[in-house]
């Protein structure tokens, strides 16, 4: 049985005990991918940031909060999986210092010093064995195709799924999937559930022979 790792949802990077950086990812795409993978007979492990609701019964779910926690969970799980679909939107930046007490208002501008978080899919892509595959997601607002193909190469992905900011917390999506040659493998505008089914079928035909 094929075992697929799916990352899903946002992560949080705390500034102080009550405030954090995050994004609008809802985990809907991750849920749809998990459901489609289970429908097609695969074993599913989901590493998920904080979302509302549950994942499909039958999926093993590992809940995390921060990007570092998602990174550690994925590094632990991936060696025992056939492939990964990186549908999560982990926070790309974290504060250099997390305050131990709530930051008080002073009436003055607040300056945040941020550094990049670890790149989960790039790390998994670099470490993948020859019998493993990596499908990443790229959410872009400009120069979309170029940026997606750049990410595909830098993250050592086999395929990358390009979508836009309108995908955030939406029921539908529009995606274009590219392979390492820059060719379009799939182009779909539909519900996230149908996109997930078509993507999983395509993954099965290409990587799970």
N, C-alpha and C. Protein backbone atom coordinates (compact mmCIF):
# COMPACT_ATOMS: atom_id res chain seq x y z
N UNK A 1 0.85 -1.20 0.00
CA UNK A 1 0.00 0.00 0.00
C UNK A 1 0.88 1.25 0.00
N UNK A 2 0.55 2.21 -0.83
CA UNK A 2 1.29 3.46 -0.90
C UNK A 2 0.98 4.34 0.30
N UNK A 3 2.02 4.87 0.92
CA UNK A 3 1.86 5.75 2.09
C UNK A 3 2.24 7.17 1.67
N UNK A 4 1.29 8.08 1.79
CA UNK A 4 1.48 9.46 1.32
C UNK A 4 1.44 10.42 2.50
N UNK A 5 2.44 11.28 2.59
CA UNK A 5 2.47 12.36 3.57
C UNK A 5 1.87 13.60 2.95
N UNK A 6 0.93 14.22 3.65
CA UNK A 6 0.31 15.46 3.19
C UNK A 6 0.50 16.52 4.27
N UNK A 7 1.08 17.66 3.90
CA UNK A 7 1.13 18.78 4.84
C UNK A 7 -0.05 19.69 4.56
N UNK A 8 -0.59 20.30 5.61
CA UNK A 8 -1.85 21.02 5.44
C UNK A 8 -1.98 22.15 6.46
N UNK A 9 -2.71 23.19 6.04
CA UNK A 9 -3.03 24.27 6.96
C UNK A 9 -1.90 25.27 7.16
N UNK A 10 -2.13 26.26 8.01
CA UNK A 10 -1.12 27.27 8.30
C UNK A 10 -0.26 26.84 9.49
N UNK A 11 0.75 27.63 9.78
CA UNK A 11 1.46 27.50 11.05
C UNK A 11 1.45 28.87 11.72
N UNK A 12 1.86 28.89 12.98
CA UNK A 12 1.91 30.14 13.74
C UNK A 12 3.33 30.37 14.25
N UNK A 13 3.75 31.62 14.20
CA UNK A 13 5.03 32.00 14.79
C UNK A 13 4.74 33.09 15.82
N UNK A 14 4.91 32.74 17.08
CA UNK A 14 4.50 33.63 18.16
C UNK A 14 5.47 34.80 18.33
N UNK A 15 4.88 35.99 18.58
CA UNK A 15 5.64 37.19 18.92
C UNK A 15 5.76 37.34 20.43
N UNK A 16 4.69 36.95 21.11
CA UNK A 16 4.62 36.96 22.57
C UNK A 16 3.62 35.88 22.96
N UNK A 17 3.24 35.73 24.22
CA UNK A 17 2.35 34.62 24.59
C UNK A 17 0.98 34.62 23.93
N UNK A 18 0.53 35.76 23.38
CA UNK A 18 -0.83 35.82 22.82
C UNK A 18 -0.89 36.23 21.35
N UNK A 19 0.17 36.80 20.81
CA UNK A 19 0.16 37.28 19.43
C UNK A 19 1.07 36.43 18.56
N UNK A 20 0.65 36.26 17.30
CA UNK A 20 1.47 35.45 16.39
C UNK A 20 1.29 35.88 14.94
N UNK A 21 2.26 35.51 14.11
CA UNK A 21 2.18 35.67 12.66
C UNK A 21 1.56 34.41 12.08
N UNK A 22 0.70 34.57 11.07
CA UNK A 22 0.11 33.41 10.40
C UNK A 22 -0.41 33.84 9.04
N UNK A 23 -1.25 33.02 8.43
CA UNK A 23 -1.87 33.37 7.15
C UNK A 23 -3.27 32.78 7.10
N UNK A 24 -3.96 32.97 5.98
CA UNK A 24 -5.37 32.61 5.89
C UNK A 24 -5.63 31.18 5.43
N UNK A 25 -4.61 30.35 5.39
CA UNK A 25 -4.82 28.96 4.96
C UNK A 25 -5.82 28.27 5.88
N UNK A 26 -6.78 27.56 5.28
CA UNK A 26 -7.85 26.91 6.04
C UNK A 26 -7.66 25.40 6.18
N UNK A 27 -6.75 24.82 5.38
CA UNK A 27 -6.59 23.37 5.38
C UNK A 27 -7.57 22.66 4.47
N UNK A 28 -8.41 23.39 3.73
CA UNK A 28 -9.41 22.74 2.86
C UNK A 28 -8.75 21.87 1.78
N UNK A 29 -7.65 22.38 1.20
CA UNK A 29 -6.98 21.60 0.16
C UNK A 29 -6.37 20.35 0.76
N UNK A 30 -5.79 20.47 1.93
CA UNK A 30 -5.22 19.31 2.60
C UNK A 30 -6.27 18.27 2.93
N UNK A 31 -7.42 18.72 3.40
CA UNK A 31 -8.52 17.80 3.69
C UNK A 31 -8.97 17.08 2.42
N UNK A 32 -9.11 17.85 1.33
CA UNK A 32 -9.55 17.26 0.07
C UNK A 32 -8.54 16.24 -0.45
N UNK A 33 -7.25 16.56 -0.32
CA UNK A 33 -6.21 15.63 -0.76
C UNK A 33 -6.21 14.36 0.07
N UNK A 34 -6.38 14.51 1.38
CA UNK A 34 -6.42 13.34 2.26
C UNK A 34 -7.60 12.45 1.90
N UNK A 35 -8.77 13.06 1.66
CA UNK A 35 -9.96 12.28 1.30
C UNK A 35 -9.76 11.57 -0.03
N UNK A 36 -9.21 12.27 -1.01
CA UNK A 36 -9.00 11.67 -2.33
C UNK A 36 -7.99 10.53 -2.26
N UNK A 37 -6.93 10.70 -1.50
CA UNK A 37 -5.92 9.65 -1.36
C UNK A 37 -6.51 8.41 -0.70
N UNK A 38 -7.33 8.62 0.32
CA UNK A 38 -7.97 7.48 0.99
C UNK A 38 -8.95 6.79 0.04
N UNK A 39 -9.72 7.57 -0.72
CA UNK A 39 -10.66 7.00 -1.69
C UNK A 39 -9.95 6.12 -2.71
N UNK A 40 -8.73 6.50 -3.05
CA UNK A 40 -7.97 5.77 -4.06
C UNK A 40 -7.11 4.67 -3.46
N UNK A 41 -7.32 4.38 -2.18
CA UNK A 41 -6.71 3.21 -1.56
C UNK A 41 -5.33 3.42 -0.96
N UNK A 42 -4.93 4.67 -0.76
CA UNK A 42 -3.62 4.94 -0.19
C UNK A 42 -3.69 5.09 1.33
N UNK A 43 -2.58 4.88 1.98
CA UNK A 43 -2.44 5.18 3.40
C UNK A 43 -2.00 6.64 3.51
N UNK A 44 -2.60 7.38 4.44
CA UNK A 44 -2.39 8.82 4.50
C UNK A 44 -1.93 9.26 5.88
N UNK A 45 -0.86 10.08 5.89
CA UNK A 45 -0.42 10.75 7.11
C UNK A 45 -0.50 12.25 6.85
N UNK A 46 -1.25 12.96 7.68
CA UNK A 46 -1.39 14.41 7.53
C UNK A 46 -0.65 15.09 8.67
N UNK A 47 0.25 15.99 8.33
CA UNK A 47 0.86 16.87 9.33
C UNK A 47 0.20 18.23 9.16
N UNK A 48 -0.58 18.62 10.15
CA UNK A 48 -1.46 19.78 10.00
C UNK A 48 -1.20 20.86 11.04
N UNK A 49 -1.19 22.08 10.56
CA UNK A 49 -1.22 23.23 11.44
C UNK A 49 -2.63 23.42 11.98
N UNK A 50 -2.86 24.47 12.77
CA UNK A 50 -4.17 24.68 13.40
C UNK A 50 -5.26 25.05 12.39
N UNK A 51 -6.27 24.21 12.29
CA UNK A 51 -7.40 24.45 11.41
C UNK A 51 -8.70 24.20 12.15
N UNK A 52 -9.80 24.62 11.56
CA UNK A 52 -11.13 24.33 12.09
C UNK A 52 -11.63 23.04 11.46
N UNK A 53 -12.15 22.12 12.27
CA UNK A 53 -12.70 20.88 11.75
C UNK A 53 -11.70 19.75 11.75
N UNK A 54 -12.15 18.61 11.24
CA UNK A 54 -11.36 17.39 11.29
C UNK A 54 -10.99 16.91 9.89
N UNK A 55 -9.99 16.04 9.84
CA UNK A 55 -9.60 15.38 8.60
C UNK A 55 -10.40 14.09 8.45
N UNK A 56 -10.43 13.50 7.26
CA UNK A 56 -11.23 12.29 7.05
C UNK A 56 -10.81 11.15 7.97
N UNK A 57 -11.80 10.41 8.42
CA UNK A 57 -11.51 9.21 9.20
C UNK A 57 -10.65 8.28 8.35
N UNK A 58 -9.66 7.69 8.97
CA UNK A 58 -8.76 6.81 8.23
C UNK A 58 -7.40 7.42 8.02
N UNK A 59 -7.31 8.73 8.11
CA UNK A 59 -6.01 9.40 7.99
C UNK A 59 -5.36 9.50 9.36
N UNK A 60 -4.07 9.25 9.39
CA UNK A 60 -3.29 9.51 10.61
C UNK A 60 -2.98 11.00 10.62
N UNK A 61 -3.32 11.69 11.70
CA UNK A 61 -3.16 13.14 11.74
C UNK A 61 -2.20 13.53 12.87
N UNK A 62 -1.19 14.30 12.52
CA UNK A 62 -0.24 14.84 13.49
C UNK A 62 -0.45 16.34 13.54
N UNK A 63 -0.88 16.84 14.69
CA UNK A 63 -1.20 18.26 14.84
C UNK A 63 0.04 19.03 15.33
N UNK A 64 0.29 20.17 14.70
CA UNK A 64 1.41 21.02 15.10
C UNK A 64 0.95 22.47 15.12
N UNK A 65 1.78 23.34 15.69
CA UNK A 65 1.48 24.77 15.70
C UNK A 65 2.46 25.57 14.86
N UNK A 66 3.75 25.41 15.11
CA UNK A 66 4.76 26.24 14.48
C UNK A 66 5.38 25.56 13.26
N UNK A 67 6.09 26.34 12.48
CA UNK A 67 6.80 25.78 11.32
C UNK A 67 7.87 24.79 11.77
N UNK A 68 8.57 25.11 12.84
CA UNK A 68 9.59 24.18 13.36
C UNK A 68 8.98 22.84 13.74
N UNK A 69 7.78 22.88 14.35
CA UNK A 69 7.10 21.63 14.73
C UNK A 69 6.68 20.85 13.49
N UNK A 70 6.19 21.54 12.47
CA UNK A 70 5.80 20.86 11.23
C UNK A 70 7.03 20.28 10.56
N UNK A 71 8.13 21.02 10.56
CA UNK A 71 9.39 20.55 9.98
C UNK A 71 9.85 19.27 10.66
N UNK A 72 9.85 19.27 11.98
CA UNK A 72 10.32 18.10 12.73
C UNK A 72 9.43 16.89 12.49
N UNK A 73 8.10 17.10 12.47
CA UNK A 73 7.17 15.99 12.25
C UNK A 73 7.35 15.40 10.85
N UNK A 74 7.53 16.26 9.85
CA UNK A 74 7.70 15.78 8.47
C UNK A 74 9.02 15.03 8.31
N UNK A 75 10.08 15.54 8.91
CA UNK A 75 11.36 14.83 8.84
C UNK A 75 11.27 13.44 9.47
N UNK A 76 10.46 13.33 10.51
CA UNK A 76 10.30 12.04 11.18
C UNK A 76 9.48 11.06 10.35
N UNK A 77 8.44 11.55 9.68
CA UNK A 77 7.49 10.70 8.98
C UNK A 77 7.94 10.35 7.56
N UNK A 78 8.55 11.31 6.87
CA UNK A 78 8.82 11.15 5.43
C UNK A 78 9.64 9.92 5.06
N UNK A 79 10.64 9.53 5.84
CA UNK A 79 11.43 8.35 5.44
C UNK A 79 10.60 7.08 5.28
N UNK A 80 9.44 7.02 5.95
CA UNK A 80 8.57 5.85 5.86
C UNK A 80 7.39 6.06 4.91
N UNK A 81 7.49 7.07 4.04
CA UNK A 81 6.43 7.36 3.07
C UNK A 81 6.98 7.22 1.65
N UNK A 82 6.05 6.99 0.72
CA UNK A 82 6.43 6.89 -0.69
C UNK A 82 6.58 8.27 -1.33
N UNK A 83 5.83 9.24 -0.81
CA UNK A 83 5.89 10.59 -1.36
C UNK A 83 5.21 11.58 -0.45
N UNK A 84 5.35 12.86 -0.79
CA UNK A 84 4.74 13.93 -0.01
C UNK A 84 4.07 14.92 -0.94
N UNK A 85 2.92 15.43 -0.49
CA UNK A 85 2.24 16.55 -1.15
C UNK A 85 2.24 17.71 -0.16
N UNK A 86 2.97 18.75 -0.49
CA UNK A 86 3.12 19.88 0.43
C UNK A 86 2.06 20.94 0.20
N UNK A 87 0.86 20.70 0.74
CA UNK A 87 -0.25 21.64 0.56
C UNK A 87 -0.36 22.66 1.68
N UNK A 88 0.48 22.53 2.72
CA UNK A 88 0.43 23.47 3.84
C UNK A 88 0.95 24.84 3.41
N UNK A 89 0.61 25.85 4.20
CA UNK A 89 1.15 27.20 4.01
C UNK A 89 1.88 27.60 5.28
N UNK A 90 3.04 26.98 5.53
CA UNK A 90 3.77 27.31 6.75
C UNK A 90 4.25 28.75 6.74
N UNK A 91 4.28 29.35 7.90
CA UNK A 91 4.74 30.73 8.04
C UNK A 91 6.21 30.80 7.62
N UNK A 92 6.53 31.72 6.72
CA UNK A 92 7.88 31.81 6.17
C UNK A 92 8.85 32.57 7.05
N UNK A 93 8.32 33.34 8.01
CA UNK A 93 9.18 34.16 8.86
C UNK A 93 8.83 33.95 10.33
N UNK A 94 9.84 34.13 11.17
CA UNK A 94 9.64 34.06 12.61
C UNK A 94 10.45 35.18 13.27
N UNK A 95 10.00 35.66 14.42
CA UNK A 95 10.77 36.72 15.09
C UNK A 95 12.09 36.18 15.63
N UNK A 96 13.11 37.02 15.61
CA UNK A 96 14.39 36.62 16.19
C UNK A 96 14.21 36.33 17.67
N UNK A 97 13.36 37.13 18.32
CA UNK A 97 13.13 36.96 19.75
C UNK A 97 11.64 36.89 20.03
N UNK A 98 11.22 35.90 20.79
CA UNK A 98 9.83 35.79 21.24
C UNK A 98 9.76 36.34 22.66
N UNK A 99 8.94 37.35 22.86
CA UNK A 99 8.81 37.96 24.18
C UNK A 99 8.10 37.02 25.14
N UNK A 100 8.56 36.96 26.36
CA UNK A 100 7.95 36.08 27.36
C UNK A 100 6.69 36.68 27.97
N UNK A 101 6.53 38.00 27.86
CA UNK A 101 5.34 38.69 28.36
C UNK A 101 4.65 39.39 27.20
N UNK A 102 3.35 39.64 27.36
CA UNK A 102 2.60 40.34 26.33
C UNK A 102 3.22 41.70 26.04
N UNK A 103 3.42 41.98 24.75
CA UNK A 103 4.00 43.27 24.36
C UNK A 103 2.99 44.37 24.62
N UNK A 104 3.37 45.35 25.42
CA UNK A 104 2.46 46.44 25.80
C UNK A 104 2.44 47.53 24.73
N UNK A 105 1.28 48.14 24.55
CA UNK A 105 1.18 49.27 23.64
C UNK A 105 1.88 50.48 24.24
N UNK A 106 2.63 51.20 23.39
CA UNK A 106 3.36 52.37 23.87
C UNK A 106 2.98 53.64 23.12
N UNK A 107 2.19 53.51 22.06
CA UNK A 107 1.88 54.66 21.22
C UNK A 107 2.91 54.91 20.15
N UNK A 108 3.98 54.11 20.15
CA UNK A 108 5.05 54.23 19.16
C UNK A 108 5.01 53.05 18.19
N UNK A 109 5.60 53.20 17.00
CA UNK A 109 5.67 52.07 16.06
C UNK A 109 6.40 50.89 16.67
N UNK A 110 5.95 49.70 16.34
CA UNK A 110 6.59 48.48 16.82
C UNK A 110 7.43 47.90 15.68
N UNK A 111 8.70 47.71 15.91
CA UNK A 111 9.61 47.17 14.91
C UNK A 111 9.84 45.69 15.20
N UNK A 112 9.58 44.85 14.20
CA UNK A 112 9.80 43.41 14.34
C UNK A 112 11.03 43.01 13.53
N UNK A 113 11.88 42.21 14.12
CA UNK A 113 13.04 41.67 13.43
C UNK A 113 12.76 40.20 13.14
N UNK A 114 12.63 39.87 11.86
CA UNK A 114 12.21 38.54 11.45
C UNK A 114 13.32 37.83 10.69
N UNK A 115 13.35 36.51 10.82
CA UNK A 115 14.24 35.66 10.03
C UNK A 115 13.40 34.59 9.36
N UNK A 116 13.92 33.99 8.30
CA UNK A 116 13.19 32.95 7.60
C UNK A 116 13.11 31.67 8.43
N UNK A 117 11.99 30.98 8.31
CA UNK A 117 11.84 29.67 8.93
C UNK A 117 12.46 28.61 8.01
N UNK A 118 12.59 27.40 8.52
CA UNK A 118 13.13 26.31 7.71
C UNK A 118 12.15 25.95 6.59
N UNK A 119 12.67 25.64 5.42
CA UNK A 119 11.84 25.27 4.28
C UNK A 119 11.59 23.76 4.30
N UNK A 120 10.38 23.39 4.62
CA UNK A 120 10.04 21.98 4.83
C UNK A 120 10.16 21.17 3.54
N UNK A 121 9.49 21.62 2.49
CA UNK A 121 9.48 20.85 1.24
C UNK A 121 10.85 20.82 0.60
N UNK A 122 11.60 21.92 0.67
CA UNK A 122 12.96 21.93 0.11
C UNK A 122 13.84 20.90 0.81
N UNK A 123 13.69 20.79 2.12
CA UNK A 123 14.49 19.82 2.88
C UNK A 123 14.11 18.40 2.53
N UNK A 124 12.81 18.12 2.46
CA UNK A 124 12.36 16.78 2.09
C UNK A 124 12.78 16.45 0.66
N UNK A 125 12.67 17.44 -0.23
CA UNK A 125 13.06 17.21 -1.62
C UNK A 125 14.54 16.88 -1.75
N UNK A 126 15.35 17.57 -0.97
CA UNK A 126 16.80 17.33 -1.01
C UNK A 126 17.16 15.95 -0.47
N UNK A 127 16.37 15.48 0.52
CA UNK A 127 16.67 14.21 1.18
C UNK A 127 15.95 13.01 0.57
N UNK A 128 15.06 13.24 -0.40
CA UNK A 128 14.26 12.14 -0.93
C UNK A 128 15.14 11.06 -1.56
N UNK A 129 14.71 9.83 -1.41
CA UNK A 129 15.39 8.71 -2.06
C UNK A 129 14.93 8.64 -3.53
N UNK A 130 15.59 7.81 -4.29
CA UNK A 130 15.22 7.68 -5.71
C UNK A 130 13.84 7.07 -5.88
N UNK A 131 13.34 6.37 -4.85
CA UNK A 131 12.02 5.77 -4.95
C UNK A 131 10.94 6.64 -4.30
N UNK A 132 11.28 7.87 -3.93
CA UNK A 132 10.30 8.78 -3.36
C UNK A 132 10.04 9.95 -4.31
N UNK A 133 8.88 10.58 -4.17
CA UNK A 133 8.53 11.74 -4.99
C UNK A 133 8.02 12.87 -4.11
N UNK A 134 8.14 14.09 -4.63
CA UNK A 134 7.74 15.29 -3.89
C UNK A 134 6.91 16.19 -4.80
N UNK A 135 5.71 16.51 -4.35
CA UNK A 135 4.83 17.45 -5.06
C UNK A 135 4.63 18.66 -4.16
N UNK A 136 5.08 19.81 -4.61
CA UNK A 136 4.95 21.03 -3.83
C UNK A 136 3.81 21.90 -4.34
N UNK A 137 3.46 22.89 -3.54
CA UNK A 137 2.49 23.91 -3.92
C UNK A 137 3.18 25.27 -3.93
N UNK A 138 2.83 26.11 -4.88
CA UNK A 138 3.35 27.48 -4.95
C UNK A 138 2.18 28.45 -5.09
N UNK A 139 2.02 29.32 -4.10
CA UNK A 139 1.01 30.37 -4.18
C UNK A 139 1.72 31.66 -4.57
N UNK A 140 1.38 32.18 -5.75
CA UNK A 140 2.09 33.34 -6.28
C UNK A 140 1.12 34.43 -6.69
N UNK A 141 1.60 35.68 -6.62
CA UNK A 141 0.78 36.83 -7.00
C UNK A 141 1.27 37.53 -8.27
N UNK A 142 2.55 37.34 -8.61
CA UNK A 142 3.07 37.94 -9.84
C UNK A 142 4.19 37.06 -10.39
N UNK A 143 4.44 37.16 -11.69
CA UNK A 143 5.41 36.29 -12.36
C UNK A 143 5.19 34.84 -11.93
N UNK A 144 3.92 34.44 -11.93
CA UNK A 144 3.52 33.19 -11.28
C UNK A 144 4.23 31.96 -11.84
N UNK A 145 4.22 31.81 -13.15
CA UNK A 145 4.84 30.61 -13.74
C UNK A 145 6.34 30.57 -13.44
N UNK A 146 7.02 31.71 -13.64
CA UNK A 146 8.46 31.77 -13.39
C UNK A 146 8.77 31.44 -11.94
N UNK A 147 8.03 32.02 -11.02
CA UNK A 147 8.30 31.79 -9.59
C UNK A 147 8.01 30.34 -9.21
N UNK A 148 6.96 29.79 -9.77
CA UNK A 148 6.63 28.39 -9.46
C UNK A 148 7.72 27.45 -9.96
N UNK A 149 8.20 27.68 -11.19
CA UNK A 149 9.24 26.81 -11.74
C UNK A 149 10.56 26.99 -11.01
N UNK A 150 10.82 28.21 -10.54
CA UNK A 150 12.02 28.44 -9.72
C UNK A 150 11.93 27.66 -8.42
N UNK A 151 10.75 27.68 -7.80
CA UNK A 151 10.56 26.92 -6.56
C UNK A 151 10.68 25.42 -6.81
N UNK A 152 10.13 24.96 -7.92
CA UNK A 152 10.21 23.54 -8.25
C UNK A 152 11.66 23.08 -8.25
N UNK A 153 12.53 23.89 -8.87
CA UNK A 153 13.95 23.54 -8.94
C UNK A 153 14.62 23.66 -7.58
N UNK A 154 14.41 24.78 -6.90
CA UNK A 154 15.09 25.02 -5.62
C UNK A 154 14.66 24.03 -4.54
N UNK A 155 13.40 23.59 -4.60
CA UNK A 155 12.88 22.69 -3.58
C UNK A 155 13.04 21.22 -3.96
N UNK A 156 13.67 20.95 -5.12
CA UNK A 156 13.91 19.58 -5.56
C UNK A 156 12.60 18.79 -5.71
N UNK A 157 11.56 19.48 -6.20
CA UNK A 157 10.26 18.83 -6.39
C UNK A 157 10.24 18.06 -7.71
N UNK A 158 9.35 17.08 -7.78
CA UNK A 158 9.09 16.39 -9.04
C UNK A 158 7.99 17.10 -9.82
N UNK A 159 6.99 17.59 -9.10
CA UNK A 159 5.93 18.42 -9.66
C UNK A 159 5.70 19.59 -8.72
N UNK A 160 5.15 20.68 -9.26
CA UNK A 160 4.71 21.78 -8.41
C UNK A 160 3.35 22.26 -8.87
N UNK A 161 2.49 22.58 -7.90
CA UNK A 161 1.11 23.00 -8.16
C UNK A 161 1.03 24.51 -7.95
N UNK A 162 0.77 25.24 -9.01
CA UNK A 162 0.67 26.69 -8.95
C UNK A 162 -0.77 27.12 -8.72
N UNK A 163 -0.97 27.98 -7.73
CA UNK A 163 -2.27 28.63 -7.54
C UNK A 163 -2.05 30.04 -7.01
N UNK A 164 -3.15 30.79 -6.83
CA UNK A 164 -3.05 32.18 -6.42
C UNK A 164 -3.67 32.43 -5.06
N UNK A 165 -3.62 33.68 -4.57
CA UNK A 165 -4.12 34.00 -3.24
C UNK A 165 -5.62 33.79 -3.08
N UNK A 166 -6.35 33.77 -4.20
CA UNK A 166 -7.80 33.52 -4.12
C UNK A 166 -8.11 32.11 -3.63
N UNK A 167 -7.10 31.26 -3.61
CA UNK A 167 -7.29 29.88 -3.12
C UNK A 167 -7.46 29.82 -1.61
N UNK A 168 -6.96 30.85 -0.90
CA UNK A 168 -6.98 30.84 0.55
C UNK A 168 -8.41 30.79 1.09
N UNK A 169 -8.71 29.75 1.86
CA UNK A 169 -10.01 29.58 2.53
C UNK A 169 -11.17 29.61 1.55
N UNK A 170 -10.94 29.14 0.33
CA UNK A 170 -12.00 29.11 -0.69
C UNK A 170 -12.40 27.67 -0.97
N UNK A 171 -13.64 27.48 -1.41
CA UNK A 171 -14.13 26.14 -1.73
C UNK A 171 -13.60 25.65 -3.07
N UNK A 172 -13.34 26.60 -3.99
CA UNK A 172 -12.85 26.25 -5.33
C UNK A 172 -11.43 26.75 -5.51
N UNK A 173 -10.81 26.29 -6.58
CA UNK A 173 -9.44 26.72 -6.85
C UNK A 173 -9.16 26.59 -8.35
N UNK A 174 -8.11 27.24 -8.79
CA UNK A 174 -7.62 27.12 -10.15
C UNK A 174 -6.14 26.82 -10.05
N UNK A 175 -5.72 25.67 -10.58
CA UNK A 175 -4.32 25.25 -10.43
C UNK A 175 -3.74 24.85 -11.77
N UNK A 176 -2.42 24.98 -11.87
CA UNK A 176 -1.66 24.45 -12.99
C UNK A 176 -0.48 23.68 -12.41
N UNK A 177 -0.29 22.47 -12.86
CA UNK A 177 0.74 21.59 -12.33
C UNK A 177 1.86 21.44 -13.35
N UNK A 178 3.10 21.70 -12.91
CA UNK A 178 4.26 21.62 -13.80
C UNK A 178 5.18 20.49 -13.39
N UNK A 179 5.83 19.87 -14.37
CA UNK A 179 6.86 18.88 -14.08
C UNK A 179 8.24 19.53 -14.18
N UNK A 180 9.30 18.74 -13.99
CA UNK A 180 10.65 19.31 -13.94
C UNK A 180 11.09 19.89 -15.29
N UNK A 181 10.44 19.49 -16.36
CA UNK A 181 10.76 20.03 -17.68
C UNK A 181 10.02 21.34 -17.96
N UNK A 182 9.20 21.78 -17.00
CA UNK A 182 8.43 23.00 -17.19
C UNK A 182 7.16 22.79 -17.98
N UNK A 183 6.81 21.54 -18.21
CA UNK A 183 5.61 21.22 -18.97
C UNK A 183 4.38 21.20 -18.05
N UNK A 184 3.24 21.57 -18.59
CA UNK A 184 1.99 21.52 -17.84
C UNK A 184 1.46 20.10 -17.81
N UNK A 185 1.35 19.55 -16.61
CA UNK A 185 0.83 18.20 -16.43
C UNK A 185 -0.69 18.23 -16.30
N UNK A 186 -1.19 19.20 -15.55
CA UNK A 186 -2.63 19.36 -15.33
C UNK A 186 -2.95 20.85 -15.26
N UNK A 187 -4.15 21.20 -15.70
CA UNK A 187 -4.66 22.55 -15.53
C UNK A 187 -6.14 22.41 -15.22
N UNK A 188 -6.51 22.79 -14.00
CA UNK A 188 -7.87 22.51 -13.52
C UNK A 188 -8.43 23.74 -12.82
N UNK A 189 -9.69 24.04 -13.09
CA UNK A 189 -10.45 25.01 -12.31
C UNK A 189 -11.73 24.33 -11.87
N UNK A 190 -11.82 24.05 -10.57
CA UNK A 190 -12.95 23.27 -10.07
C UNK A 190 -12.96 23.35 -8.54
N UNK A 191 -13.80 22.53 -7.93
CA UNK A 191 -13.80 22.45 -6.47
C UNK A 191 -12.48 21.84 -6.01
N UNK A 192 -12.10 22.14 -4.80
CA UNK A 192 -10.86 21.57 -4.27
C UNK A 192 -10.95 20.05 -4.19
N UNK A 193 -12.14 19.54 -3.97
CA UNK A 193 -12.32 18.09 -3.91
C UNK A 193 -12.02 17.44 -5.26
N UNK A 194 -12.54 18.07 -6.34
CA UNK A 194 -12.30 17.51 -7.67
C UNK A 194 -10.84 17.69 -8.09
N UNK A 195 -10.26 18.83 -7.75
CA UNK A 195 -8.84 19.04 -8.04
C UNK A 195 -8.00 17.97 -7.35
N UNK A 196 -8.34 17.69 -6.09
CA UNK A 196 -7.60 16.67 -5.34
C UNK A 196 -7.71 15.30 -6.00
N UNK A 197 -8.91 14.94 -6.44
CA UNK A 197 -9.10 13.63 -7.10
C UNK A 197 -8.25 13.53 -8.37
N UNK A 198 -8.30 14.59 -9.19
CA UNK A 198 -7.55 14.55 -10.45
C UNK A 198 -6.04 14.55 -10.19
N UNK A 199 -5.61 15.32 -9.20
CA UNK A 199 -4.18 15.36 -8.89
C UNK A 199 -3.70 14.01 -8.37
N UNK A 200 -4.48 13.37 -7.51
CA UNK A 200 -4.09 12.05 -6.99
C UNK A 200 -4.07 11.00 -8.08
N UNK A 201 -5.03 11.08 -9.01
CA UNK A 201 -5.02 10.13 -10.13
C UNK A 201 -3.77 10.32 -10.98
N UNK A 202 -3.43 11.59 -11.24
CA UNK A 202 -2.24 11.88 -12.05
C UNK A 202 -0.97 11.42 -11.34
N UNK A 203 -0.90 11.64 -10.03
CA UNK A 203 0.25 11.17 -9.25
C UNK A 203 0.34 9.65 -9.33
N UNK A 204 -0.79 8.98 -9.23
CA UNK A 204 -0.80 7.54 -9.32
C UNK A 204 -0.27 7.04 -10.65
N UNK A 205 -0.69 7.68 -11.74
CA UNK A 205 -0.27 7.26 -13.08
C UNK A 205 1.22 7.52 -13.31
N UNK A 206 1.74 8.60 -12.70
CA UNK A 206 3.13 8.98 -12.96
C UNK A 206 4.12 8.34 -11.97
N UNK A 207 3.77 8.32 -10.69
CA UNK A 207 4.75 7.94 -9.67
C UNK A 207 4.47 6.60 -8.99
N UNK A 208 3.27 6.07 -9.14
CA UNK A 208 2.91 4.89 -8.37
C UNK A 208 2.71 3.66 -9.24
N UNK A 209 3.43 3.58 -10.34
CA UNK A 209 3.29 2.43 -11.26
C UNK A 209 3.94 1.19 -10.64
